[in-house]
């Protein structure tokens, strides 16, 4: 079971990640209260433990911009969170060989099945919220997941009270953002507790 802490914006967040050792961290380039600029992300990445992979989160961004961030080693992995099309993914694949995570806002199992045919490396299953792309802080009905061919990240409302149950869904990784925050700021104590719980679930 892998672990991702998403929406890091400050050097203190990176230092907390280096201590708590998630497998992935996320920089949000899409419009969000957790948005980071290219320059800020590059500066933060310089302080990140090289064993931790940096994921860039995008919503219908220009593929050339995404590929440039990979080329400049600001990010290692691409997360598409805007329901991007097969044509878009093909364009991106021609520009970069970086792995792709494709986010699905789950209303029904059909949403997952449709995305399961896409030429991506992982899915990310998140809570459906109208007019919002992630960051809801709410879980969805995990019984909707069913059979999935792609390995998947599980997101949406995860925190220290439910990560052990979430670890039993068969997810490849758990993805937390608001669940490791206090007053909208990353909380190292919550990060420590979640990291310990997930590592415990792996034993």
Protein backbone atom coordinates (compact mmCIF):
# COMPACT_ATOMS: atom_id res chain seq x y z
CA UNK A 1 0.00 0.00 0.00
CA UNK A 2 1.50 3.29 -1.16
CA UNK A 3 0.78 6.74 0.26
CA UNK A 4 0.41 10.16 -1.36
CA UNK A 5 0.18 13.50 0.42
CA UNK A 6 -1.30 16.04 -1.99
CA UNK A 7 -1.48 19.83 -2.09
CA UNK A 8 1.89 20.72 -0.58
CA UNK A 9 2.60 24.45 -0.86
CA UNK A 10 5.26 25.41 1.72
CA UNK A 11 8.82 24.41 2.53
CA UNK A 12 7.50 23.25 5.92
CA UNK A 13 5.18 20.83 4.07
CA UNK A 14 8.15 19.37 2.19
CA UNK A 15 10.13 18.99 5.41
CA UNK A 16 7.14 17.20 6.96
CA UNK A 17 6.95 14.89 3.94
CA UNK A 18 10.67 14.14 4.14
CA UNK A 19 10.16 13.07 7.75
CA UNK A 20 6.95 11.05 7.27
CA UNK A 21 8.06 9.44 3.99
CA UNK A 22 4.98 9.12 1.75
CA UNK A 23 5.74 7.47 -1.60
CA UNK A 24 4.34 10.47 -3.50
CA UNK A 25 3.59 14.13 -2.90
CA UNK A 26 1.35 16.31 -5.05
CA UNK A 27 1.80 19.82 -6.41
CA UNK A 28 -1.50 21.31 -7.60
CA UNK A 29 -1.04 23.42 -10.74
CA UNK A 30 -4.80 23.64 -11.36
CA UNK A 31 -6.82 26.48 -9.85
CA UNK A 32 -7.23 25.64 -6.16
CA UNK A 33 -6.53 27.08 -2.73
CA UNK A 34 -3.56 24.69 -2.82
CA UNK A 35 -2.30 26.01 -6.18
CA UNK A 36 1.45 26.44 -6.64
CA UNK A 37 3.23 28.29 -9.43
CA UNK A 38 5.81 26.57 -11.62
CA UNK A 39 8.57 28.52 -9.88
CA UNK A 40 7.36 27.72 -6.37
CA UNK A 41 7.01 24.03 -7.25
CA UNK A 42 10.54 23.97 -8.67
CA UNK A 43 11.91 25.54 -5.49
CA UNK A 44 9.99 23.10 -3.29
CA UNK A 45 11.12 20.11 -5.36
CA UNK A 46 14.76 21.03 -4.66
CA UNK A 47 14.15 20.28 -0.97
CA UNK A 48 12.20 17.03 -1.51
CA UNK A 49 13.77 13.69 -0.60
CA UNK A 50 14.65 12.18 -4.02
CA UNK A 51 13.05 8.87 -3.00
CA UNK A 52 9.64 10.62 -2.90
CA UNK A 53 8.03 11.10 -6.31
CA UNK A 54 6.44 14.46 -7.14
CA UNK A 55 3.05 14.34 -8.88
CA UNK A 56 1.76 17.36 -10.79
CA UNK A 57 -2.03 17.82 -10.67
CA UNK A 58 -3.59 19.44 -13.75
CA UNK A 59 -7.05 20.25 -15.12
CA UNK A 60 -7.05 20.53 -18.93
CA UNK A 61 -3.68 22.26 -18.97
CA UNK A 62 -1.62 22.63 -22.15
CA UNK A 63 0.25 19.35 -22.76
CA UNK A 64 3.37 21.32 -23.71
CA UNK A 65 3.34 23.02 -20.30
CA UNK A 66 3.05 19.68 -18.50
CA UNK A 67 5.84 18.13 -20.58
CA UNK A 68 8.10 21.09 -19.78
CA UNK A 69 7.60 20.57 -16.04
CA UNK A 70 8.58 16.91 -16.46
CA UNK A 71 11.60 17.85 -18.59
CA UNK A 72 12.71 20.39 -15.97
CA UNK A 73 12.39 17.68 -13.28
CA UNK A 74 9.84 19.67 -11.31
CA UNK A 75 7.47 16.67 -11.44
CA UNK A 76 7.95 12.94 -12.01
CA UNK A 77 4.33 11.88 -12.56
CA UNK A 78 1.35 13.57 -14.24
CA UNK A 79 -2.15 13.57 -12.69
CA UNK A 80 -5.00 14.56 -14.99
CA UNK A 81 -8.03 15.72 -13.04
CA UNK A 82 -10.27 17.33 -15.67
CA UNK A 83 -11.82 14.39 -17.52
CA UNK A 84 -9.27 14.82 -20.32
CA UNK A 85 -10.05 13.03 -23.60
CA UNK A 86 -8.30 10.13 -25.31
CA UNK A 87 -7.03 12.63 -27.91
CA UNK A 88 -5.55 14.80 -25.15
CA UNK A 89 -3.80 11.82 -23.56
CA UNK A 90 -2.37 10.81 -26.95
CA UNK A 91 -0.97 14.33 -27.43
CA UNK A 92 0.60 14.22 -23.99
CA UNK A 93 2.09 10.76 -24.58
CA UNK A 94 3.87 12.07 -27.69
CA UNK A 95 5.52 14.82 -25.63
CA UNK A 96 6.60 12.90 -22.53
CA UNK A 97 7.06 9.35 -21.27
CA UNK A 98 6.20 10.32 -17.68
CA UNK A 99 3.61 8.04 -16.03
CA UNK A 100 0.01 9.30 -15.99
CA UNK A 101 -2.59 9.12 -13.22
CA UNK A 102 -6.14 9.70 -14.50
CA UNK A 103 -8.71 10.95 -11.99
CA UNK A 104 -12.28 9.66 -12.06
CA UNK A 105 -15.02 11.44 -10.12
CA UNK A 106 -17.12 8.42 -9.15
CA UNK A 107 -20.91 8.57 -9.32
CA UNK A 108 -21.42 5.01 -10.59
CA UNK A 109 -19.23 2.01 -11.42
CA UNK A 110 -19.73 2.91 -15.10
CA UNK A 111 -17.54 6.00 -14.58
CA UNK A 112 -14.69 3.71 -13.52
CA UNK A 113 -15.26 1.21 -16.34
CA UNK A 114 -15.08 3.96 -18.98
CA UNK A 115 -11.79 5.30 -17.62
CA UNK A 116 -10.43 1.77 -17.23
CA UNK A 117 -10.00 1.56 -21.03
CA UNK A 118 -7.72 4.63 -21.24
CA UNK A 119 -3.97 4.32 -22.01
CA UNK A 120 -2.82 5.57 -18.60
CA UNK A 121 -0.73 4.04 -15.82
CA UNK A 122 -3.08 4.46 -12.86
CA UNK A 123 -6.58 5.65 -12.14
CA UNK A 124 -7.40 7.88 -9.19
CA UNK A 125 -10.88 7.31 -7.80
CA UNK A 126 -12.29 10.43 -6.16
CA UNK A 127 -15.61 11.71 -4.86
CA UNK A 128 -17.97 13.28 -7.39
CA UNK A 129 -18.83 16.86 -6.50
CA UNK A 130 -20.66 19.00 -9.05
CA UNK A 131 -18.52 21.84 -10.47
CA UNK A 132 -15.45 20.73 -8.48
CA UNK A 133 -12.33 18.77 -9.31
CA UNK A 134 -11.21 16.99 -6.16
CA UNK A 135 -10.48 18.38 -2.72
CA UNK A 136 -14.03 17.71 -1.49
CA UNK A 137 -13.03 16.23 1.85
CA UNK A 138 -15.87 13.71 1.40
CA UNK A 139 -15.69 9.96 0.82
CA UNK A 140 -17.71 8.11 -1.81
CA UNK A 141 -19.33 4.67 -1.60
CA UNK A 142 -16.35 2.34 -1.98
CA UNK A 143 -18.67 -0.56 -2.85
CA UNK A 144 -19.02 1.13 -6.28
CA UNK A 145 -15.39 0.33 -7.10
CA UNK A 146 -15.86 -3.32 -8.03
CA UNK A 147 -13.38 -4.83 -10.48
CA UNK A 148 -10.75 -2.45 -11.87
CA UNK A 149 -8.01 -3.45 -14.31
CA UNK A 150 -5.77 -0.46 -13.62
CA UNK A 151 -4.02 -0.08 -10.28
CA UNK A 152 -5.68 2.87 -8.59
CA UNK A 153 -5.16 5.64 -6.07
CA UNK A 154 -8.09 6.08 -3.68
CA UNK A 155 -8.94 9.68 -2.76
CA UNK A 156 -11.81 11.65 -1.27
CA UNK A 157 -12.28 12.28 2.43
CA UNK A 158 -9.45 10.07 3.67
CA UNK A 159 -8.06 10.79 7.13
CA UNK A 160 -6.61 8.99 10.14
CA UNK A 161 -10.06 7.62 11.11
CA UNK A 162 -10.61 5.69 7.87
CA UNK A 163 -7.27 4.96 6.18
CA UNK A 164 -7.11 1.46 7.65
CA UNK A 165 -10.51 0.64 6.15
CA UNK A 166 -9.47 2.31 2.90
CA UNK A 167 -6.39 0.10 2.79
CA UNK A 168 -8.72 -2.92 2.53
CA UNK A 169 -10.30 -1.76 -0.76
CA UNK A 170 -7.48 -3.11 -2.91
CA UNK A 171 -6.17 0.36 -3.79
CA UNK A 172 -2.59 0.71 -4.98
CA UNK A 173 -2.22 3.94 -3.00
CA UNK A 174 -4.15 6.22 -0.65
CA UNK A 175 -4.23 9.93 -1.49
CA UNK A 176 -4.81 12.50 1.26
CA UNK A 177 -5.02 16.27 1.25
CA UNK A 178 -7.59 17.88 3.59
CA UNK A 179 -7.30 14.83 5.88
CA UNK A 180 -3.75 15.86 6.81
CA UNK A 181 -4.63 19.53 7.40
CA UNK A 182 -5.68 21.65 10.36
CA UNK A 183 -7.23 25.02 9.50
CA UNK A 184 -6.30 24.52 5.82
CA UNK A 185 -2.60 24.02 6.59
CA UNK A 186 -0.69 20.74 6.42
CA UNK A 187 -0.35 19.28 9.92
CA UNK A 188 2.80 17.23 10.55
CA UNK A 189 1.18 15.38 13.48
CA UNK A 190 -1.66 14.17 11.25
CA UNK A 191 0.87 13.24 8.57
CA UNK A 192 2.83 11.22 11.13
CA UNK A 193 -0.27 9.39 12.34
CA UNK A 194 -1.54 8.59 8.84
CA UNK A 195 1.90 7.42 7.74
CA UNK A 196 2.16 5.11 10.77
CA UNK A 197 -1.33 3.69 10.16
CA UNK A 198 -0.65 2.97 6.49
CA UNK A 199 2.73 1.42 7.24
CA UNK A 200 1.04 -0.67 9.91
CA UNK A 201 -1.56 -1.86 7.39
CA UNK A 202 1.29 -3.02 5.14
CA UNK A 203 2.67 -5.38 7.78
